[in-house]
């Protein structure tokens, strides 16, 4: 089958898929699950709020 690959990342993934065969899917799935977990942690982490100078009205 002819493949059109655009970009270095696509070429690397194609080589990886050809080398690992079906193992490639397990590798990608593991990576996606870890990335999703990291993104969920970041989404639920308290955001660092910018501090603004306040005037003391004492």
PDB file of N, CA and C in Angstrom:
ATOM      1  N   UNK A   1       0.850  -1.181   0.000  1.00  0.00           N
ATOM      2  CA  UNK A   1       0.000   0.000   0.000  1.00  0.00           C
ATOM      3  C   UNK A   1       0.889   1.235   0.000  1.00  0.00           C
ATOM      4  N   UNK A   2       0.509   2.195  -0.787  1.00  0.00           N
ATOM      5  CA  UNK A   2       1.269   3.432  -0.868  1.00  0.00           C
ATOM      6  C   UNK A   2       0.828   4.377   0.243  1.00  0.00           C
ATOM      7  N   UNK A   3       1.781   5.031   0.873  1.00  0.00           N
ATOM      8  CA  UNK A   3       1.476   5.941   1.981  1.00  0.00           C
ATOM      9  C   UNK A   3       2.028   7.315   1.667  1.00  0.00           C
ATOM     10  N   UNK A   4       1.250   8.315   2.008  1.00  0.00           N
ATOM     11  CA  UNK A   4       1.715   9.691   1.882  1.00  0.00           C
ATOM     12  C   UNK A   4       1.946  10.190   3.300  1.00  0.00           C
ATOM     13  N   UNK A   5       3.198  10.460   3.621  1.00  0.00           N
ATOM     14  CA  UNK A   5       3.557  10.891   4.966  1.00  0.00           C
ATOM     15  C   UNK A   5       4.074  12.317   4.911  1.00  0.00           C
ATOM     16  N   UNK A   6       3.479  13.156   5.723  1.00  0.00           N
ATOM     17  CA  UNK A   6       3.879  14.558   5.764  1.00  0.00           C
ATOM     18  C   UNK A   6       4.444  14.833   7.146  1.00  0.00           C
ATOM     19  N   UNK A   7       5.673  15.258   7.192  1.00  0.00           N
ATOM     20  CA  UNK A   7       6.291  15.616   8.460  1.00  0.00           C
ATOM     21  C   UNK A   7       7.155  14.506   9.018  1.00  0.00           C
ATOM     22  N   UNK A   8       8.141  14.925   9.785  1.00  0.00           N
ATOM     23  CA  UNK A   8       9.087  13.979  10.374  1.00  0.00           C
ATOM     24  C   UNK A   8       8.400  13.063  11.378  1.00  0.00           C
ATOM     25  N   UNK A   9       7.437  13.598  12.138  1.00  0.00           N
ATOM     26  CA  UNK A   9       6.757  12.766  13.127  1.00  0.00           C
ATOM     27  C   UNK A   9       5.963  11.654  12.453  1.00  0.00           C
ATOM     28  N   UNK A  10       5.341  11.935  11.322  1.00  0.00           N
ATOM     29  CA  UNK A  10       4.594  10.904  10.594  1.00  0.00           C
ATOM     30  C   UNK A  10       5.532   9.821  10.074  1.00  0.00           C
ATOM     31  N   UNK A  11       6.690  10.214   9.599  1.00  0.00           N
ATOM     32  CA  UNK A  11       7.658   9.228   9.106  1.00  0.00           C
ATOM     33  C   UNK A  11       8.176   8.353  10.243  1.00  0.00           C
ATOM     34  N   UNK A  12       8.420   8.966  11.413  1.00  0.00           N
ATOM     35  CA  UNK A  12       8.882   8.176  12.564  1.00  0.00           C
ATOM     36  C   UNK A  12       7.809   7.184  13.010  1.00  0.00           C
ATOM     37  N   UNK A  13       6.558   7.640  13.070  1.00  0.00           N
ATOM     38  CA  UNK A  13       5.482   6.740  13.472  1.00  0.00           C
ATOM     39  C   UNK A  13       5.300   5.610  12.467  1.00  0.00           C
ATOM     40  N   UNK A  14       5.466   5.904  11.182  1.00  0.00           N
ATOM     41  CA  UNK A  14       5.353   4.872  10.156  1.00  0.00           C
ATOM     42  C   UNK A  14       6.443   3.820  10.338  1.00  0.00           C
ATOM     43  N   UNK A  15       7.672   4.259  10.570  1.00  0.00           N
ATOM     44  CA  UNK A  15       8.775   3.309  10.789  1.00  0.00           C
ATOM     45  C   UNK A  15       8.529   2.464  12.035  1.00  0.00           C
ATOM     46  N   UNK A  16       8.042   3.118  13.088  1.00  0.00           N
ATOM     47  CA  UNK A  16       7.760   2.402  14.325  1.00  0.00           C
ATOM     48  C   UNK A  16       6.685   1.339  14.098  1.00  0.00           C
ATOM     49  N   UNK A  17       5.642   1.689  13.372  1.00  0.00           N
ATOM     50  CA  UNK A  17       4.566   0.741  13.087  1.00  0.00           C
ATOM     51  C   UNK A  17       5.076  -0.428  12.253  1.00  0.00           C
ATOM     52  N   UNK A  18       5.947  -0.156  11.313  1.00  0.00           N
ATOM     53  CA  UNK A  18       6.484  -1.229  10.466  1.00  0.00           C
ATOM     54  C   UNK A  18       7.420  -2.143  11.256  1.00  0.00           C
ATOM     55  N   UNK A  19       8.185  -1.579  12.180  1.00  0.00           N
ATOM     56  CA  UNK A  19       9.113  -2.386  12.971  1.00  0.00           C
ATOM     57  C   UNK A  19       8.400  -3.242  14.019  1.00  0.00           C
ATOM     58  N   UNK A  20       7.428  -2.647  14.698  1.00  0.00           N
ATOM     59  CA  UNK A  20       6.788  -3.336  15.820  1.00  0.00           C
ATOM     60  C   UNK A  20       5.555  -4.135  15.432  1.00  0.00           C
ATOM     61  N   UNK A  21       5.001  -3.889  14.270  1.00  0.00           N
ATOM     62  CA  UNK A  21       3.785  -4.599  13.873  1.00  0.00           C
ATOM     63  C   UNK A  21       2.646  -4.282  14.829  1.00  0.00           C
ATOM     64  N   UNK A  22       1.981  -5.325  15.327  1.00  0.00           N
ATOM     65  CA  UNK A  22       0.835  -5.144  16.222  1.00  0.00           C
ATOM     66  C   UNK A  22       1.254  -4.537  17.559  1.00  0.00           C
ATOM     67  N   UNK A  23       2.512  -4.710  17.956  1.00  0.00           N
ATOM     68  CA  UNK A  23       2.991  -4.136  19.205  1.00  0.00           C
ATOM     69  C   UNK A  23       2.936  -2.620  19.204  1.00  0.00           C
ATOM     70  N   UNK A  24       2.949  -2.042  18.020  1.00  0.00           N
ATOM     71  CA  UNK A  24       2.867  -0.590  17.873  1.00  0.00           C
ATOM     72  C   UNK A  24       1.580  -0.051  18.490  1.00  0.00           C
ATOM     73  N   UNK A  25       0.477  -0.758  18.295  1.00  0.00           N
ATOM     74  CA  UNK A  25      -0.809  -0.299  18.821  1.00  0.00           C
ATOM     75  C   UNK A  25      -0.796  -0.270  20.340  1.00  0.00           C
ATOM     76  N   UNK A  26      -0.202  -1.289  20.959  1.00  0.00           N
ATOM     77  CA  UNK A  26      -0.117  -1.302  22.428  1.00  0.00           C
ATOM     78  C   UNK A  26       0.736  -0.148  22.933  1.00  0.00           C
ATOM     79  N   UNK A  27       1.826   0.123  22.236  1.00  0.00           N
ATOM     80  CA  UNK A  27       2.720   1.212  22.626  1.00  0.00           C
ATOM     81  C   UNK A  27       2.008   2.562  22.532  1.00  0.00           C
ATOM     82  N   UNK A  28       1.312   2.785  21.436  1.00  0.00           N
ATOM     83  CA  UNK A  28       0.593   4.047  21.250  1.00  0.00           C
ATOM     84  C   UNK A  28      -0.528   4.171  22.272  1.00  0.00           C
ATOM     85  N   UNK A  29      -1.252   3.089  22.526  1.00  0.00           N
ATOM     86  CA  UNK A  29      -2.339   3.122  23.499  1.00  0.00           C
ATOM     87  C   UNK A  29      -1.818   3.478  24.886  1.00  0.00           C
ATOM     88  N   UNK A  30      -0.683   2.898  25.282  1.00  0.00           N
ATOM     89  CA  UNK A  30      -0.088   3.210  26.582  1.00  0.00           C
ATOM     90  C   UNK A  30       0.284   4.692  26.656  1.00  0.00           C
ATOM     91  N   UNK A  31       0.880   5.203  25.584  1.00  0.00           N
ATOM     92  CA  UNK A  31       1.267   6.612  25.548  1.00  0.00           C
ATOM     93  C   UNK A  31       0.043   7.525  25.641  1.00  0.00           C
ATOM     94  N   UNK A  32      -1.017   7.197  24.912  1.00  0.00           N
ATOM     95  CA  UNK A  32      -2.230   8.019  24.922  1.00  0.00           C
ATOM     96  C   UNK A  32      -2.869   8.012  26.306  1.00  0.00           C
ATOM     97  N   UNK A  33      -2.905   6.849  26.945  1.00  0.00           N
ATOM     98  CA  UNK A  33      -3.495   6.775  28.292  1.00  0.00           C
ATOM     99  C   UNK A  33      -2.707   7.624  29.287  1.00  0.00           C
ATOM    100  N   UNK A  34      -1.380   7.568  29.205  1.00  0.00           N
ATOM    101  CA  UNK A  34      -0.560   8.377  30.119  1.00  0.00           C
ATOM    102  C   UNK A  34      -0.742   9.864  29.849  1.00  0.00           C
ATOM    103  N   UNK A  35      -0.793  10.236  28.577  1.00  0.00           N
ATOM    104  CA  UNK A  35      -0.977  11.646  28.226  1.00  0.00           C
ATOM    105  C   UNK A  35      -2.341  12.133  28.700  1.00  0.00           C
ATOM    106  N   UNK A  36      -3.369  11.301  28.548  1.00  0.00           N
ATOM    107  CA  UNK A  36      -4.714  11.678  28.992  1.00  0.00           C
ATOM    108  C   UNK A  36      -4.737  11.876  30.501  1.00  0.00           C
ATOM    109  N   UNK A  37      -4.084  10.985  31.239  1.00  0.00           N
ATOM    110  CA  UNK A  37      -4.039  11.104  32.698  1.00  0.00           C
ATOM    111  C   UNK A  37      -3.334  12.393  33.110  1.00  0.00           C
ATOM    112  N   UNK A  38      -2.217  12.718  32.434  1.00  0.00           N
ATOM    113  CA  UNK A  38      -1.512  13.974  32.740  1.00  0.00           C
ATOM    114  C   UNK A  38      -2.395  15.179  32.451  1.00  0.00           C
ATOM    115  N   UNK A  39      -3.100  15.152  31.338  1.00  0.00           N
ATOM    116  CA  UNK A  39      -3.955  16.279  30.980  1.00  0.00           C
ATOM    117  C   UNK A  39      -5.103  16.440  31.965  1.00  0.00           C
ATOM    118  N   UNK A  40      -5.669  15.327  32.432  1.00  0.00           N
ATOM    119  CA  UNK A  40      -6.746  15.414  33.415  1.00  0.00           C
ATOM    120  C   UNK A  40      -6.235  15.973  34.732  1.00  0.00           C
ATOM    121  N   UNK A  41      -5.021  15.573  35.131  1.00  0.00           N
ATOM    122  CA  UNK A  41      -4.435  16.111  36.362  1.00  0.00           C
ATOM    123  C   UNK A  41      -4.248  17.613  36.251  1.00  0.00           C
ATOM    124  N   UNK A  42      -3.767  18.059  35.112  1.00  0.00           N
ATOM    125  CA  UNK A  42      -3.560  19.494  34.908  1.00  0.00           C
ATOM    126  C   UNK A  42      -4.878  20.246  34.888  1.00  0.00           C
ATOM    127  N   UNK A  43      -5.899  19.652  34.311  1.00  0.00           N
ATOM    128  CA  UNK A  43      -7.195  20.319  34.200  1.00  0.00           C
ATOM    129  C   UNK A  43      -7.840  20.498  35.568  1.00  0.00           C
ATOM    130  N   UNK A  44      -7.588  19.554  36.490  1.00  0.00           N
ATOM    131  CA  UNK A  44      -8.217  19.624  37.805  1.00  0.00           C
ATOM    132  C   UNK A  44      -7.313  20.230  38.866  1.00  0.00           C
ATOM    133  N   UNK A  45      -6.093  20.568  38.508  1.00  0.00           N
ATOM    134  CA  UNK A  45      -5.173  21.183  39.463  1.00  0.00           C
ATOM    135  C   UNK A  45      -5.573  22.642  39.661  1.00  0.00           C
ATOM    136  N   UNK A  46      -5.397  23.146  40.860  1.00  0.00           N
ATOM    137  CA  UNK A  46      -5.714  24.561  41.069  1.00  0.00           C
ATOM    138  C   UNK A  46      -4.813  25.438  40.205  1.00  0.00           C
ATOM    139  N   UNK A  47      -5.428  26.352  39.530  1.00  0.00           N
ATOM    140  CA  UNK A  47      -4.670  27.227  38.627  1.00  0.00           C
ATOM    141  C   UNK A  47      -3.900  28.259  39.432  1.00  0.00           C
ATOM    142  N   UNK A  48      -2.750  28.580  38.958  1.00  0.00           N
ATOM    143  CA  UNK A  48      -1.957  29.631  39.589  1.00  0.00           C
ATOM    144  C   UNK A  48      -2.536  30.964  39.145  1.00  0.00           C
ATOM    145  N   UNK A  49      -3.116  31.673  40.066  1.00  0.00           N
ATOM    146  CA  UNK A  49      -3.742  32.948  39.734  1.00  0.00           C
ATOM    147  C   UNK A  49      -2.707  34.059  39.765  1.00  0.00           C
ATOM    148  N   UNK A  50      -2.772  34.951  38.808  1.00  0.00           N
ATOM    149  CA  UNK A  50      -1.835  36.077  38.838  1.00  0.00           C
ATOM    150  C   UNK A  50      -2.158  36.987  40.016  1.00  0.00           C
ATOM    151  N   UNK A  51      -1.134  37.456  40.665  1.00  0.00           N
ATOM    152  CA  UNK A  51      -1.357  38.348  41.801  1.00  0.00           C
ATOM    153  C   UNK A  51      -1.320  39.785  41.321  1.00  0.00           C
ATOM    154  N   UNK A  52      -2.263  40.550  41.803  1.00  0.00           N
ATOM    155  CA  UNK A  52      -2.307  41.966  41.453  1.00  0.00           C
ATOM    156  C   UNK A  52      -2.073  42.769  42.718  1.00  0.00           C
ATOM    157  N   UNK A  53      -1.383  43.870  42.598  1.00  0.00           N
ATOM    158  CA  UNK A  53      -1.162  44.701  43.786  1.00  0.00           C
ATOM    159  C   UNK A  53      -2.497  45.229  44.311  1.00  0.00           C
ATOM    160  N   UNK A  54      -2.666  45.169  45.617  1.00  0.00           N
ATOM    161  CA  UNK A  54      -3.907  45.668  46.221  1.00  0.00           C
ATOM    162  C   UNK A  54      -3.585  46.864  47.098  1.00  0.00           C
ATOM    163  N   UNK A  55      -4.547  47.743  47.200  1.00  0.00           N
ATOM    164  CA  UNK A  55      -4.390  48.913  48.072  1.00  0.00           C
ATOM    165  C   UNK A  55      -4.912  48.552  49.447  1.00  0.00           C
ATOM    166  N   UNK A  56      -4.152  48.905  50.448  1.00  0.00           N
ATOM    167  CA  UNK A  56      -4.561  48.626  51.818  1.00  0.00           C
ATOM    168  C   UNK A  56      -5.457  49.760  52.286  1.00  0.00           C
ATOM    169  N   UNK A  57      -6.731  49.440  52.564  1.00  0.00           N
ATOM    170  CA  UNK A  57      -7.701  50.461  52.981  1.00  0.00           C
ATOM    171  C   UNK A  57      -7.887  50.456  54.488  1.00  0.00           C
ATOM    172  N   UNK A  58      -6.839  50.367  55.258  1.00  0.00           N
ATOM    173  CA  UNK A  58      -6.953  50.299  56.712  1.00  0.00           C
ATOM    174  C   UNK A  58      -7.180  51.624  57.343  1.00  0.00           C
TER     175      UNK A  58
END
